[in-house]
PDB file of N, CA and C in Angstrom:
ATOM      1  N   MET A   1       3.407  12.512   4.208  1.00  0.00           N
ATOM      2  CA  MET A   1       2.586  12.065   5.453  1.00  0.00           C
ATOM      3  C   MET A   1       1.903  10.929   4.762  1.00  0.00           C
ATOM      4  N   SER A   2       2.296   9.992   5.930  1.00  0.00           N
ATOM      5  CA  SER A   2       1.719   8.280   6.098  1.00  0.00           C
ATOM      6  C   SER A   2       0.185   8.470   5.351  1.00  0.00           C
ATOM      7  N   ILE A   3      -0.195   7.405   5.065  1.00  0.00           N
ATOM      8  CA  ILE A   3      -1.684   6.593   4.954  1.00  0.00           C
ATOM      9  C   ILE A   3      -1.861   6.497   6.708  1.00  0.00           C
ATOM     10  N   GLU A   4      -2.823   6.710   7.448  1.00  0.00           N
ATOM     11  CA  GLU A   4      -3.505   5.805   8.479  1.00  0.00           C
ATOM     12  C   GLU A   4      -3.368   4.372   8.466  1.00  0.00           C
ATOM     13  N   LYS A   5      -2.918   4.153   9.796  1.00  0.00           N
ATOM     14  CA  LYS A   5      -3.207   2.745  10.034  1.00  0.00           C
ATOM     15  C   LYS A   5      -4.447   1.993   9.483  1.00  0.00           C
ATOM     16  N   ARG A   6      -4.626   1.039   9.163  1.00  0.00           N
ATOM     17  CA  ARG A   6      -6.279   0.279   9.157  1.00  0.00           C
ATOM     18  C   ARG A   6      -7.360   0.572   7.804  1.00  0.00           C
ATOM     19  N   THR A   7      -6.038   1.733   7.108  1.00  0.00           N
ATOM     20  CA  THR A   7      -6.950   2.092   5.616  1.00  0.00           C
ATOM     21  C   THR A   7      -7.157   1.268   4.870  1.00  0.00           C
ATOM     22  N   ALA A   8      -8.149   1.197   4.214  1.00  0.00           N
ATOM     23  CA  ALA A   8      -7.943  -0.394   2.736  1.00  0.00           C
ATOM     24  C   ALA A   8      -7.617   0.865   1.531  1.00  0.00           C
ATOM     25  N   VAL A   9      -6.702  -0.006   0.573  1.00  0.00           N
ATOM     26  CA  VAL A   9      -5.637   0.938  -0.580  1.00  0.00           C
ATOM     27  C   VAL A   9      -5.926  -0.309  -1.236  1.00  0.00           C
ATOM     28  N   THR A  10      -5.359   0.357  -2.565  1.00  0.00           N
ATOM     29  CA  THR A  10      -5.325  -0.434  -4.000  1.00  0.00           C
ATOM     30  C   THR A  10      -4.102   0.864  -4.862  1.00  0.00           C
ATOM     31  N   PRO A  11      -3.785  -0.374  -5.669  1.00  0.00           N
ATOM     32  CA  PRO A  11      -2.553   0.388  -6.302  1.00  0.00           C
ATOM     33  C   PRO A  11      -3.334   1.704  -6.751  1.00  0.00           C
ATOM     34  N   ALA A  12      -1.825   2.727  -6.916  1.00  0.00           N
ATOM     35  CA  ALA A  12      -3.186   3.925  -8.214  1.00  0.00           C
ATOM     36  C   ALA A  12      -2.676   3.817  -9.150  1.00  0.00           C
ATOM     37  N   LYS A  13      -2.299   2.877  -9.390  1.00  0.00           N
ATOM     38  CA  LYS A  13      -2.040   2.834 -11.048  1.00  0.00           C
ATOM     39  C   LYS A  13      -3.203   2.033 -11.553  1.00  0.00           C
ATOM     40  N   PRO A  14      -3.722   2.916 -13.051  1.00  0.00           N
ATOM     41  CA  PRO A  14      -4.910   2.009 -13.746  1.00  0.00           C
ATOM     42  C   PRO A  14      -4.635   0.424 -14.164  1.00  0.00           C
ATOM     43  N   VAL A  15      -5.510  -0.388 -14.009  1.00  0.00           N
ATOM     44  CA  VAL A  15      -5.287  -1.961 -13.346  1.00  0.00           C
ATOM     45  C   VAL A  15      -5.537  -2.320 -15.429  1.00  0.00           C
ATOM     46  N   PRO A  16      -4.573  -3.301 -16.204  1.00  0.00           N
ATOM     47  CA  PRO A  16      -4.784  -3.386 -17.468  1.00  0.00           C
ATOM     48  C   PRO A  16      -6.596  -4.262 -17.636  1.00  0.00           C
ATOM     49  N   PRO A  17      -7.116  -3.881 -18.716  1.00  0.00           N
ATOM     50  CA  PRO A  17      -8.185  -4.828 -18.975  1.00  0.00           C
ATOM     51  C   PRO A  17      -8.052  -6.388 -18.521  1.00  0.00           C
ATOM     52  N   GLY A  18      -8.821  -7.078 -17.948  1.00  0.00           N
ATOM     53  CA  GLY A  18      -8.744  -8.127 -18.009  1.00  0.00           C
ATOM     54  C   GLY A  18      -8.492  -8.527 -16.574  1.00  0.00           C
ATOM     55  N   LYS A  19      -7.684  -7.794 -15.535  1.00  0.00           N
ATOM     56  CA  LYS A  19      -6.922  -7.879 -14.404  1.00  0.00           C
ATOM     57  C   LYS A  19      -7.715  -7.937 -13.390  1.00  0.00           C
ATOM     58  N   LEU A  20      -7.487  -8.427 -12.284  1.00  0.00           N
ATOM     59  CA  LEU A  20      -8.214  -8.136 -11.212  1.00  0.00           C
ATOM     60  C   LEU A  20      -7.520  -6.694 -10.280  1.00  0.00           C
ATOM     61  N   ARG A  21      -8.011  -5.816  -9.492  1.00  0.00           N
ATOM     62  CA  ARG A  21      -7.734  -5.051  -8.989  1.00  0.00           C
ATOM     63  C   ARG A  21      -7.664  -5.176  -7.252  1.00  0.00           C
ATOM     64  N   LEU A  22      -6.251  -5.052  -6.885  1.00  0.00           N
ATOM     65  CA  LEU A  22      -5.761  -5.447  -5.792  1.00  0.00           C
ATOM     66  C   LEU A  22      -6.422  -4.804  -4.326  1.00  0.00           C
ATOM     67  N   PHE A  23      -6.722  -5.263  -3.385  1.00  0.00           N
ATOM     68  CA  PHE A  23      -7.037  -4.538  -2.394  1.00  0.00           C
ATOM     69  C   PHE A  23      -6.521  -5.094  -0.984  1.00  0.00           C
ATOM     70  N   GLY A  24      -5.915  -3.940  -0.630  1.00  0.00           N
ATOM     71  CA  GLY A  24      -4.995  -4.376   1.162  1.00  0.00           C
ATOM     72  C   GLY A  24      -5.317  -3.786   1.837  1.00  0.00           C
ATOM     73  N   LEU A  25      -4.757  -3.386   2.957  1.00  0.00           N
ATOM     74  CA  LEU A  25      -4.409  -2.597   4.400  1.00  0.00           C
ATOM     75  C   LEU A  25      -3.271  -2.144   4.885  1.00  0.00           C
ATOM     76  N   VAL A  26      -3.408  -0.899   5.006  1.00  0.00           N
ATOM     77  CA  VAL A  26      -2.392  -0.280   5.391  1.00  0.00           C
ATOM     78  C   VAL A  26      -2.554  -1.305   7.218  1.00  0.00           C
ATOM     79  N   VAL A  27      -1.172  -1.602   7.496  1.00  0.00           N
ATOM     80  CA  VAL A  27      -0.904  -2.522   9.124  1.00  0.00           C
ATOM     81  C   VAL A  27       0.519  -2.085   9.851  1.00  0.00           C
ATOM     82  N   ASN A  28       1.128  -0.709   8.872  1.00  0.00           N
ATOM     83  CA  ASN A  28       1.958  -0.595  10.121  1.00  0.00           C
ATOM     84  C   ASN A  28       2.694   0.644   8.874  1.00  0.00           C
ATOM     85  N   HIS A  29       3.734   1.298   9.302  1.00  0.00           N
ATOM     86  CA  HIS A  29       4.235   2.439   8.538  1.00  0.00           C
ATOM     87  C   HIS A  29       6.029   1.717   9.008  1.00  0.00           C
ATOM     88  N   ALA A  30       7.208   1.491   7.928  1.00  0.00           N
ATOM     89  CA  ALA A  30       8.545   1.647   8.462  1.00  0.00           C
ATOM     90  C   ALA A  30       9.484   2.970   7.972  1.00  0.00           C
ATOM     91  N   THR A  31      10.568   2.633   8.027  1.00  0.00           N
ATOM     92  CA  THR A  31      11.562   3.859   7.114  1.00  0.00           C
ATOM     93  C   THR A  31      12.648   3.058   6.580  1.00  0.00           C
ATOM     94  N   ASP A  32      12.623   4.188   5.309  1.00  0.00           N
ATOM     95  CA  ASP A  32      13.518   3.702   4.266  1.00  0.00           C
ATOM     96  C   ASP A  32      15.232   3.676   4.858  1.00  0.00           C
ATOM     97  N   PRO A  33      15.979   2.402   4.604  1.00  0.00           N
ATOM     98  CA  PRO A  33      17.070   2.827   5.511  1.00  0.00           C
ATOM     99  C   PRO A  33      17.989   3.859   5.013  1.00  0.00           C
ATOM    100  N   ILE A  34      17.993   3.805   3.586  1.00  0.00           N
ATOM    101  CA  ILE A  34      18.445   4.369   2.653  1.00  0.00           C
ATOM    102  C   ILE A  34      18.078   5.808   2.398  1.00  0.00           C
ATOM    103  N   SER A  35      17.084   5.929   1.972  1.00  0.00           N
ATOM    104  CA  SER A  35      16.639   7.547   1.615  1.00  0.00           C
ATOM    105  C   SER A  35      15.630   8.158   3.147  1.00  0.00           C
ATOM    106  N   GLY A  36      15.572   7.688   3.704  1.00  0.00           N
ATOM    107  CA  GLY A  36      14.558   7.866   5.222  1.00  0.00           C
ATOM    108  C   GLY A  36      13.276   8.236   5.033  1.00  0.00           C
ATOM    109  N   ALA A  37      12.825   8.198   3.996  1.00  0.00           N
ATOM    110  CA  ALA A  37      11.891   8.217   3.579  1.00  0.00           C
ATOM    111  C   ALA A  37      10.642   7.384   4.206  1.00  0.00           C
ATOM    112  N   GLU A  38       9.233   7.758   4.666  1.00  0.00           N
ATOM    113  CA  GLU A  38       8.497   7.199   5.685  1.00  0.00           C
ATOM    114  C   GLU A  38       7.451   6.242   4.397  1.00  0.00           C
ATOM    115  N   LEU A  39       7.744   4.612   4.858  1.00  0.00           N
ATOM    116  CA  LEU A  39       6.578   4.042   4.104  1.00  0.00           C
ATOM    117  C   LEU A  39       5.429   3.105   4.392  1.00  0.00           C
ATOM    118  N   ASN A  40       4.526   2.590   3.506  1.00  0.00           N
ATOM    119  CA  ASN A  40       3.421   2.724   4.377  1.00  0.00           C
ATOM    120  C   ASN A  40       3.667   0.590   4.196  1.00  0.00           C
ATOM    121  N   MET A  41       3.306   0.080   5.278  1.00  0.00           N
ATOM    122  CA  MET A  41       3.208  -1.864   5.122  1.00  0.00           C
ATOM    123  C   MET A  41       1.796  -1.862   4.645  1.00  0.00           C
ATOM    124  N   VAL A  42       2.042  -2.365   3.394  1.00  0.00           N
ATOM    125  CA  VAL A  42       0.549  -2.838   3.146  1.00  0.00           C
ATOM    126  C   VAL A  42       0.585  -4.629   2.803  1.00  0.00           C
ATOM    127  N   MET A  43      -0.668  -5.086   3.820  1.00  0.00           N
ATOM    128  CA  MET A  43      -1.099  -5.995   3.763  1.00  0.00           C
ATOM    129  C   MET A  43      -2.419  -6.547   2.607  1.00  0.00           C
ATOM    130  N   TRP A  44      -1.903  -6.962   1.740  1.00  0.00           N
ATOM    131  CA  TRP A  44      -2.660  -7.515   0.100  1.00  0.00           C
ATOM    132  C   TRP A  44      -3.322  -8.799   0.678  1.00  0.00           C
ATOM    133  N   ASP A  45      -4.505  -8.990   0.244  1.00  0.00           N
ATOM    134  CA  ASP A  45      -5.477 -10.212   0.395  1.00  0.00           C
ATOM    135  C   ASP A  45      -4.990 -11.214  -0.301  1.00  0.00           C
ATOM    136  N   GLY A  46      -4.684 -12.491   0.584  1.00  0.00           N
ATOM    137  CA  GLY A  46      -3.709 -13.864   0.686  1.00  0.00           C
ATOM    138  C   GLY A  46      -2.192 -13.440   0.480  1.00  0.00           C
ATOM    139  N   THR A  47      -2.059 -12.553   1.030  1.00  0.00           N
ATOM    140  CA  THR A  47      -0.207 -12.242   1.114  1.00  0.00           C
ATOM    141  C   THR A  47      -0.094 -12.533   2.752  1.00  0.00           C
ATOM    142  N   GLU A  48       1.495 -13.033   2.935  1.00  0.00           N
ATOM    143  CA  GLU A  48       1.878 -13.736   4.320  1.00  0.00           C
ATOM    144  C   GLU A  48       2.186 -12.648   4.827  1.00  0.00           C
ATOM    145  N   LYS A  49       3.180 -11.796   4.306  1.00  0.00           N
ATOM    146  CA  LYS A  49       3.315 -10.251   4.928  1.00  0.00           C
ATOM    147  C   LYS A  49       3.419  -9.299   3.750  1.00  0.00           C
ATOM    148  N   ALA A  50       3.257  -8.019   5.039  1.00  0.00           N
ATOM    149  CA  ALA A  50       3.048  -6.822   4.163  1.00  0.00           C
ATOM    150  C   ALA A  50       4.629  -5.938   3.731  1.00  0.00           C
ATOM    151  N   LEU A  51       4.241  -5.826   2.588  1.00  0.00           N
ATOM    152  CA  LEU A  51       5.201  -4.922   1.495  1.00  0.00           C
ATOM    153  C   LEU A  51       5.092  -3.536   1.884  1.00  0.00           C
ATOM    154  N   PRO A  52       6.339  -2.884   1.905  1.00  0.00           N
ATOM    155  CA  PRO A  52       6.114  -1.405   1.773  1.00  0.00           C
ATOM    156  C   PRO A  52       6.171  -0.820   0.195  1.00  0.00           C
ATOM    157  N   TYR A  53       5.285   0.298   0.446  1.00  0.00           N
ATOM    158  CA  TYR A  53       4.694   1.652  -0.432  1.00  0.00           C
ATOM    159  C   TYR A  53       4.790   3.078  -0.319  1.00  0.00           C
ATOM    160  N   ASP A  54       5.161   3.902  -1.312  1.00  0.00           N
ATOM    161  CA  ASP A  54       5.229   5.244  -1.148  1.00  0.00           C
ATOM    162  C   ASP A  54       3.759   5.296  -0.838  1.00  0.00           C
ATOM    163  N   ASP A  55       3.101   6.490  -0.595  1.00  0.00           N
ATOM    164  CA  ASP A  55       2.087   7.109  -0.466  1.00  0.00           C
ATOM    165  C   ASP A  55       1.224   7.393  -1.905  1.00  0.00           C
ATOM    166  N   ASP A  56       2.533   7.955  -2.879  1.00  0.00           N
ATOM    167  CA  ASP A  56       1.918   8.164  -4.223  1.00  0.00           C
ATOM    168  C   ASP A  56       1.647   6.601  -5.167  1.00  0.00           C
ATOM    169  N   GLU A  57       1.726   5.856  -4.412  1.00  0.00           N
ATOM    170  CA  GLU A  57       1.528   4.359  -5.160  1.00  0.00           C
ATOM    171  C   GLU A  57       0.378   3.766  -4.519  1.00  0.00           C
ATOM    172  N   LEU A  58      -0.472   4.395  -3.727  1.00  0.00           N
ATOM    173  CA  LEU A  58      -1.399   3.683  -3.416  1.00  0.00           C
ATOM    174  C   LEU A  58      -2.731   4.715  -3.198  1.00  0.00           C
ATOM    175  N   ALA A  59      -3.884   4.532  -3.494  1.00  0.00           N
ATOM    176  CA  ALA A  59      -5.085   4.944  -3.405  1.00  0.00           C
ATOM    177  C   ALA A  59      -6.333   4.814  -2.236  1.00  0.00           C
ATOM    178  N   ILE A  60      -6.443   5.490  -1.991  1.00  0.00           N
ATOM    179  CA  ILE A  60      -7.289   4.919  -0.824  1.00  0.00           C
ATOM    180  C   ILE A  60      -8.576   4.326  -1.311  1.00  0.00           C
ATOM    181  N   VAL A  61      -9.255   3.338  -0.398  1.00  0.00           N
ATOM    182  CA  VAL A  61     -10.862   3.086  -1.124  1.00  0.00           C
ATOM    183  C   VAL A  61     -11.500   3.688  -0.379  1.00  0.00           C
ATOM    184  N   ASP A  62     -12.758   4.196  -0.896  1.00  0.00           N
ATOM    185  CA  ASP A  62     -13.619   4.665  -0.181  1.00  0.00           C
ATOM    186  C   ASP A  62     -15.097   3.584  -0.064  1.00  0.00           C
TER     187      ASP A  62
END
């Protein structure tokens, strides 16, 4: 199940000490043409286009 559109997210992996945590917004969904998996299209702060991520790669920001 994909994360709903307009949900604030951050990478699920821990951030190394001294690095900034990214924050983004799920703007759309896409289907992987090879696996058929539904992906979340995330627009990160400062980027020009959305990038695809699986649900388990993202954490919802409260």
